[in-house]
């Protein structure tokens, strides 16, 4: 409750420091990517696929969050970690019903990302 906040010296000190904090450009970018990721995960693109395909999409979203813009629909990305630990490139693409399904899902993911950023 607000009364507890007003009487807790540690919380008061933390609030005082937070009030004066100016976010760096890196912090602002990280916060934006985190917000976008959370909103994108709520969209249909994550709900219409099975667990393995959703794990791939989630990892692609993490890659976007960590590294920024990258060519998400390039199947070569499935050869590196964390994708290589999820299965072979062929297995991962089969989780989407084939290469066309993979590309469609990635394009839907990209559309959702760009809608959130715009």
N, C-alpha and C. Protein backbone atom coordinates (compact mmCIF):
# COMPACT_ATOMS: atom_id res chain seq x y z
N UNK A 1 0.84 -1.19 0.00
CA UNK A 1 0.00 0.00 0.00
C UNK A 1 0.88 1.24 0.00
N UNK A 2 0.28 2.39 -0.26
CA UNK A 2 1.02 3.64 -0.32
C UNK A 2 1.58 4.01 1.06
N UNK A 3 0.85 3.67 2.12
CA UNK A 3 1.33 3.96 3.47
C UNK A 3 2.62 3.21 3.77
N UNK A 4 2.69 1.96 3.30
CA UNK A 4 3.90 1.16 3.51
C UNK A 4 5.08 1.76 2.74
N UNK A 5 4.83 2.25 1.54
CA UNK A 5 5.89 2.87 0.74
C UNK A 5 6.43 4.10 1.46
N UNK A 6 5.54 4.90 2.02
CA UNK A 6 5.95 6.15 2.69
C UNK A 6 6.77 5.88 3.94
N UNK A 7 6.64 4.70 4.54
CA UNK A 7 7.35 4.41 5.78
C UNK A 7 8.56 3.50 5.58
N UNK A 8 8.74 2.95 4.42
CA UNK A 8 9.88 2.05 4.17
C UNK A 8 11.05 2.86 3.62
N UNK A 9 12.10 3.05 4.42
CA UNK A 9 13.22 3.89 3.98
C UNK A 9 13.93 3.35 2.73
N UNK A 10 14.00 2.05 2.59
CA UNK A 10 14.65 1.47 1.41
C UNK A 10 13.85 1.81 0.14
N UNK A 11 12.54 1.67 0.21
CA UNK A 11 11.69 2.01 -0.93
C UNK A 11 11.76 3.49 -1.25
N UNK A 12 11.77 4.32 -0.21
CA UNK A 12 11.86 5.77 -0.42
C UNK A 12 13.18 6.13 -1.12
N UNK A 13 14.27 5.52 -0.68
CA UNK A 13 15.57 5.77 -1.30
C UNK A 13 15.57 5.32 -2.76
N UNK A 14 15.02 4.16 -3.02
CA UNK A 14 14.95 3.64 -4.38
C UNK A 14 14.11 4.55 -5.27
N UNK A 15 12.97 4.99 -4.78
CA UNK A 15 12.12 5.90 -5.54
C UNK A 15 12.82 7.22 -5.82
N UNK A 16 13.56 7.71 -4.85
CA UNK A 16 14.30 8.97 -5.02
C UNK A 16 15.36 8.83 -6.11
N UNK A 17 16.10 7.72 -6.07
CA UNK A 17 17.12 7.49 -7.12
C UNK A 17 16.48 7.31 -8.48
N UNK A 18 15.36 6.59 -8.55
CA UNK A 18 14.69 6.34 -9.83
C UNK A 18 14.15 7.64 -10.42
N UNK A 19 13.69 8.52 -9.57
CA UNK A 19 13.12 9.78 -10.04
C UNK A 19 14.16 10.61 -10.79
N UNK A 20 15.39 10.56 -10.33
CA UNK A 20 16.47 11.37 -10.94
C UNK A 20 17.22 10.65 -12.05
N UNK A 21 16.90 9.39 -12.29
CA UNK A 21 17.62 8.61 -13.30
C UNK A 21 17.22 9.02 -14.71
N UNK A 22 18.20 9.25 -15.55
CA UNK A 22 17.97 9.52 -16.97
C UNK A 22 18.41 8.28 -17.74
N UNK A 23 17.49 7.72 -18.52
CA UNK A 23 17.81 6.51 -19.27
C UNK A 23 18.80 6.80 -20.38
N UNK A 24 19.73 5.88 -20.54
CA UNK A 24 20.68 5.98 -21.64
C UNK A 24 19.97 5.54 -22.93
N UNK A 25 20.52 5.90 -24.08
CA UNK A 25 19.92 5.41 -25.33
C UNK A 25 19.84 3.89 -25.38
N UNK A 26 20.83 3.21 -24.81
CA UNK A 26 20.82 1.75 -24.80
C UNK A 26 19.67 1.21 -23.94
N UNK A 27 19.43 1.86 -22.80
CA UNK A 27 18.33 1.44 -21.92
C UNK A 27 16.98 1.69 -22.58
N UNK A 28 16.86 2.82 -23.25
CA UNK A 28 15.62 3.14 -23.96
C UNK A 28 15.36 2.11 -25.05
N UNK A 29 16.39 1.76 -25.81
CA UNK A 29 16.24 0.77 -26.87
C UNK A 29 15.88 -0.60 -26.30
N UNK A 30 16.54 -0.99 -25.22
CA UNK A 30 16.24 -2.28 -24.59
C UNK A 30 14.81 -2.31 -24.07
N UNK A 31 14.35 -1.22 -23.48
CA UNK A 31 12.99 -1.16 -22.97
C UNK A 31 11.98 -1.25 -24.11
N UNK A 32 12.26 -0.53 -25.20
CA UNK A 32 11.37 -0.56 -26.37
C UNK A 32 11.28 -1.97 -26.93
N UNK A 33 12.41 -2.63 -27.08
CA UNK A 33 12.40 -3.99 -27.62
C UNK A 33 11.66 -4.94 -26.71
N UNK A 34 11.84 -4.79 -25.41
CA UNK A 34 11.14 -5.65 -24.46
C UNK A 34 9.63 -5.43 -24.54
N UNK A 35 9.20 -4.20 -24.63
CA UNK A 35 7.79 -3.87 -24.75
C UNK A 35 7.20 -4.44 -26.04
N UNK A 36 7.93 -4.25 -27.13
CA UNK A 36 7.48 -4.76 -28.43
C UNK A 36 7.36 -6.27 -28.37
N UNK A 37 8.36 -6.93 -27.80
CA UNK A 37 8.36 -8.39 -27.72
C UNK A 37 7.13 -8.88 -26.95
N UNK A 38 6.82 -8.24 -25.83
CA UNK A 38 5.67 -8.64 -25.04
C UNK A 38 4.37 -8.48 -25.81
N UNK A 39 4.23 -7.40 -26.54
CA UNK A 39 3.01 -7.18 -27.32
C UNK A 39 2.91 -8.12 -28.50
N UNK A 40 4.02 -8.41 -29.15
CA UNK A 40 4.00 -9.31 -30.30
C UNK A 40 3.62 -10.72 -29.87
N UNK A 41 4.10 -11.15 -28.71
CA UNK A 41 3.78 -12.51 -28.25
C UNK A 41 2.30 -12.70 -27.99
N UNK A 42 1.56 -11.62 -27.80
CA UNK A 42 0.12 -11.72 -27.57
C UNK A 42 -0.66 -11.91 -28.86
N UNK A 43 -0.03 -11.74 -29.99
CA UNK A 43 -0.73 -11.79 -31.27
C UNK A 43 -0.92 -13.22 -31.75
N UNK A 44 -1.79 -13.37 -32.76
CA UNK A 44 -2.14 -14.68 -33.31
C UNK A 44 -0.95 -15.46 -33.84
N UNK A 45 0.09 -14.77 -34.27
CA UNK A 45 1.21 -15.47 -34.87
C UNK A 45 1.78 -16.53 -33.91
N UNK A 46 1.65 -16.31 -32.60
CA UNK A 46 2.17 -17.29 -31.65
C UNK A 46 1.14 -18.36 -31.29
N UNK A 47 -0.12 -18.09 -31.48
CA UNK A 47 -1.14 -19.02 -31.02
C UNK A 47 -1.52 -20.08 -32.04
N UNK A 48 -1.17 -19.89 -33.30
CA UNK A 48 -1.64 -20.83 -34.32
C UNK A 48 -0.64 -21.93 -34.67
N UNK A 49 0.47 -22.00 -33.96
CA UNK A 49 1.48 -23.02 -34.25
C UNK A 49 1.70 -23.91 -33.04
N UNK A 50 2.29 -25.06 -33.31
CA UNK A 50 2.58 -26.00 -32.24
C UNK A 50 3.76 -25.55 -31.39
N UNK A 51 4.07 -26.33 -30.35
CA UNK A 51 5.11 -25.93 -29.40
C UNK A 51 6.49 -25.70 -30.02
N UNK A 52 6.91 -26.57 -30.93
CA UNK A 52 8.25 -26.41 -31.53
C UNK A 52 8.30 -25.15 -32.40
N UNK A 53 7.27 -24.92 -33.19
CA UNK A 53 7.23 -23.72 -34.04
C UNK A 53 7.18 -22.46 -33.18
N UNK A 54 6.42 -22.49 -32.10
CA UNK A 54 6.35 -21.33 -31.20
C UNK A 54 7.70 -21.07 -30.55
N UNK A 55 8.42 -22.14 -30.21
CA UNK A 55 9.76 -21.97 -29.62
C UNK A 55 10.71 -21.31 -30.62
N UNK A 56 10.59 -21.69 -31.89
CA UNK A 56 11.42 -21.07 -32.94
C UNK A 56 11.07 -19.59 -33.07
N UNK A 57 9.78 -19.28 -33.13
CA UNK A 57 9.35 -17.89 -33.25
C UNK A 57 9.80 -17.07 -32.03
N UNK A 58 9.69 -17.66 -30.87
CA UNK A 58 10.12 -16.97 -29.66
C UNK A 58 11.62 -16.69 -29.70
N UNK A 59 12.39 -17.67 -30.17
CA UNK A 59 13.84 -17.47 -30.27
C UNK A 59 14.18 -16.42 -31.33
N UNK A 60 13.43 -16.39 -32.42
CA UNK A 60 13.63 -15.34 -33.43
C UNK A 60 13.34 -13.96 -32.84
N UNK A 61 12.30 -13.90 -32.04
CA UNK A 61 11.95 -12.64 -31.39
C UNK A 61 13.05 -12.22 -30.41
N UNK A 62 13.62 -13.18 -29.70
CA UNK A 62 14.74 -12.89 -28.80
C UNK A 62 15.95 -12.37 -29.58
N UNK A 63 16.21 -13.01 -30.72
CA UNK A 63 17.33 -12.55 -31.58
C UNK A 63 17.09 -11.11 -32.01
N UNK A 64 15.86 -10.81 -32.39
CA UNK A 64 15.53 -9.44 -32.78
C UNK A 64 15.77 -8.50 -31.60
N UNK A 65 15.29 -8.91 -30.43
CA UNK A 65 15.44 -8.06 -29.24
C UNK A 65 16.91 -7.80 -28.91
N UNK A 66 17.72 -8.86 -29.01
CA UNK A 66 19.13 -8.75 -28.63
C UNK A 66 20.00 -8.10 -29.70
N UNK A 67 19.68 -8.34 -30.96
CA UNK A 67 20.57 -7.91 -32.03
C UNK A 67 19.97 -6.86 -32.96
N UNK A 68 18.70 -6.56 -32.77
CA UNK A 68 18.06 -5.58 -33.64
C UNK A 68 17.62 -6.21 -34.94
N UNK A 69 17.58 -5.42 -35.98
CA UNK A 69 17.06 -5.87 -37.26
C UNK A 69 17.98 -6.94 -37.84
N UNK A 70 17.40 -8.03 -38.24
CA UNK A 70 18.12 -9.08 -38.95
C UNK A 70 17.16 -9.77 -39.89
N UNK A 71 17.73 -10.51 -40.81
CA UNK A 71 16.93 -11.19 -41.82
C UNK A 71 16.32 -12.45 -41.21
N UNK A 72 15.15 -12.29 -40.60
CA UNK A 72 14.53 -13.38 -39.84
C UNK A 72 14.10 -14.55 -40.69
N UNK A 73 13.79 -14.31 -41.97
CA UNK A 73 13.29 -15.42 -42.79
C UNK A 73 14.39 -16.20 -43.50
N UNK A 74 15.63 -15.90 -43.22
CA UNK A 74 16.74 -16.66 -43.79
C UNK A 74 16.87 -17.97 -42.99
N UNK A 75 16.65 -19.09 -43.65
CA UNK A 75 16.68 -20.38 -42.94
C UNK A 75 18.07 -20.69 -42.38
N UNK A 76 19.10 -20.01 -42.83
CA UNK A 76 20.45 -20.23 -42.27
C UNK A 76 20.51 -19.87 -40.79
N UNK A 77 19.62 -18.98 -40.34
CA UNK A 77 19.60 -18.63 -38.92
C UNK A 77 19.28 -19.86 -38.07
N UNK A 78 18.60 -20.83 -38.66
CA UNK A 78 18.24 -22.04 -37.91
C UNK A 78 19.43 -22.96 -37.67
N UNK A 79 20.58 -22.63 -38.25
CA UNK A 79 21.79 -23.44 -38.06
C UNK A 79 22.59 -23.03 -36.84
N UNK A 80 22.25 -21.88 -36.24
CA UNK A 80 23.02 -21.39 -35.10
C UNK A 80 22.22 -21.54 -33.80
N UNK A 81 22.90 -21.36 -32.68
CA UNK A 81 22.22 -21.41 -31.39
C UNK A 81 21.25 -20.24 -31.27
N UNK A 82 20.14 -20.39 -30.65
CA UNK A 82 19.67 -21.56 -29.92
C UNK A 82 18.93 -22.56 -30.80
N UNK A 83 18.77 -22.23 -32.09
CA UNK A 83 17.97 -23.07 -32.98
C UNK A 83 18.58 -24.46 -33.18
N UNK A 84 19.91 -24.51 -33.29
CA UNK A 84 20.56 -25.81 -33.54
C UNK A 84 20.30 -26.78 -32.39
N UNK A 85 20.02 -26.26 -31.20
CA UNK A 85 19.70 -27.11 -30.07
C UNK A 85 18.25 -27.57 -30.05
N UNK A 86 17.44 -27.01 -30.93
CA UNK A 86 16.01 -27.35 -30.98
C UNK A 86 15.71 -28.46 -31.96
N UNK A 87 16.65 -28.71 -32.85
CA UNK A 87 16.45 -29.72 -33.89
C UNK A 87 17.19 -29.32 -35.14
N UNK A 88 17.16 -30.19 -36.13
CA UNK A 88 17.81 -29.88 -37.40
C UNK A 88 17.01 -28.82 -38.14
N UNK A 89 17.62 -28.18 -39.12
CA UNK A 89 16.92 -27.18 -39.93
C UNK A 89 15.67 -27.80 -40.55
N UNK A 90 15.79 -29.02 -41.06
CA UNK A 90 14.65 -29.69 -41.68
C UNK A 90 13.53 -29.91 -40.66
N UNK A 91 13.89 -30.38 -39.47
CA UNK A 91 12.88 -30.60 -38.43
C UNK A 91 12.17 -29.31 -38.05
N UNK A 92 12.95 -28.24 -37.91
CA UNK A 92 12.36 -26.97 -37.50
C UNK A 92 11.43 -26.42 -38.58
N UNK A 93 11.83 -26.55 -39.82
CA UNK A 93 10.99 -26.07 -40.92
C UNK A 93 9.73 -26.92 -41.03
N UNK A 94 9.85 -28.24 -40.77
CA UNK A 94 8.67 -29.12 -40.79
C UNK A 94 7.66 -28.73 -39.72
N UNK A 95 8.14 -28.13 -38.62
CA UNK A 95 7.22 -27.70 -37.56
C UNK A 95 6.25 -26.63 -38.06
N UNK A 96 6.62 -25.97 -39.17
CA UNK A 96 5.76 -24.96 -39.78
C UNK A 96 5.02 -25.50 -41.01
N UNK A 97 5.17 -26.80 -41.27
CA UNK A 97 4.52 -27.40 -42.43
C UNK A 97 5.34 -27.27 -43.70
N UNK A 98 6.59 -26.85 -43.60
CA UNK A 98 7.46 -26.69 -44.76
C UNK A 98 8.03 -25.28 -44.84
N UNK A 99 8.86 -25.09 -45.87
CA UNK A 99 9.56 -23.80 -46.01
C UNK A 99 8.58 -22.65 -46.22
N UNK A 100 7.55 -22.87 -47.02
CA UNK A 100 6.57 -21.80 -47.24
C UNK A 100 5.87 -21.41 -45.94
N UNK A 101 5.55 -22.41 -45.13
CA UNK A 101 4.91 -22.15 -43.84
C UNK A 101 5.84 -21.39 -42.90
N UNK A 102 7.13 -21.76 -42.92
CA UNK A 102 8.12 -21.05 -42.10
C UNK A 102 8.20 -19.59 -42.53
N UNK A 103 8.33 -19.37 -43.84
CA UNK A 103 8.44 -18.00 -44.35
C UNK A 103 7.19 -17.20 -44.04
N UNK A 104 6.02 -17.82 -44.15
CA UNK A 104 4.76 -17.13 -43.85
C UNK A 104 4.72 -16.73 -42.37
N UNK A 105 5.10 -17.66 -41.49
CA UNK A 105 5.09 -17.37 -40.06
C UNK A 105 6.07 -16.24 -39.73
N UNK A 106 7.24 -16.27 -40.33
CA UNK A 106 8.24 -15.23 -40.06
C UNK A 106 7.75 -13.88 -40.59
N UNK A 107 7.11 -13.88 -41.75
CA UNK A 107 6.58 -12.62 -42.28
C UNK A 107 5.47 -12.07 -41.38
N UNK A 108 4.65 -12.96 -40.84
CA UNK A 108 3.62 -12.52 -39.89
C UNK A 108 4.26 -11.95 -38.63
N UNK A 109 5.34 -12.59 -38.18
CA UNK A 109 6.08 -12.09 -37.02
C UNK A 109 6.66 -10.71 -37.30
N UNK A 110 7.26 -10.56 -38.48
CA UNK A 110 7.83 -9.27 -38.87
C UNK A 110 6.73 -8.20 -38.97
N UNK A 111 5.60 -8.56 -39.55
CA UNK A 111 4.49 -7.60 -39.64
C UNK A 111 4.05 -7.16 -38.26
N UNK A 112 3.95 -8.11 -37.33
CA UNK A 112 3.55 -7.77 -35.96
C UNK A 112 4.59 -6.87 -35.30
N UNK A 113 5.87 -7.15 -35.54
CA UNK A 113 6.95 -6.30 -35.00
C UNK A 113 6.84 -4.89 -35.53
N UNK A 114 6.68 -4.77 -36.81
CA UNK A 114 6.65 -3.45 -37.43
C UNK A 114 5.40 -2.68 -37.05
N UNK A 115 4.28 -3.38 -36.81
CA UNK A 115 3.07 -2.70 -36.33
C UNK A 115 3.29 -2.12 -34.94
N UNK A 116 4.03 -2.86 -34.11
CA UNK A 116 4.29 -2.38 -32.76
C UNK A 116 5.28 -1.22 -32.75
N UNK A 117 6.23 -1.25 -33.67
CA UNK A 117 7.26 -0.21 -33.70
C UNK A 117 6.70 1.08 -34.29
N UNK A 118 5.81 0.94 -35.26
CA UNK A 118 5.29 2.12 -35.97
C UNK A 118 4.43 3.00 -35.09
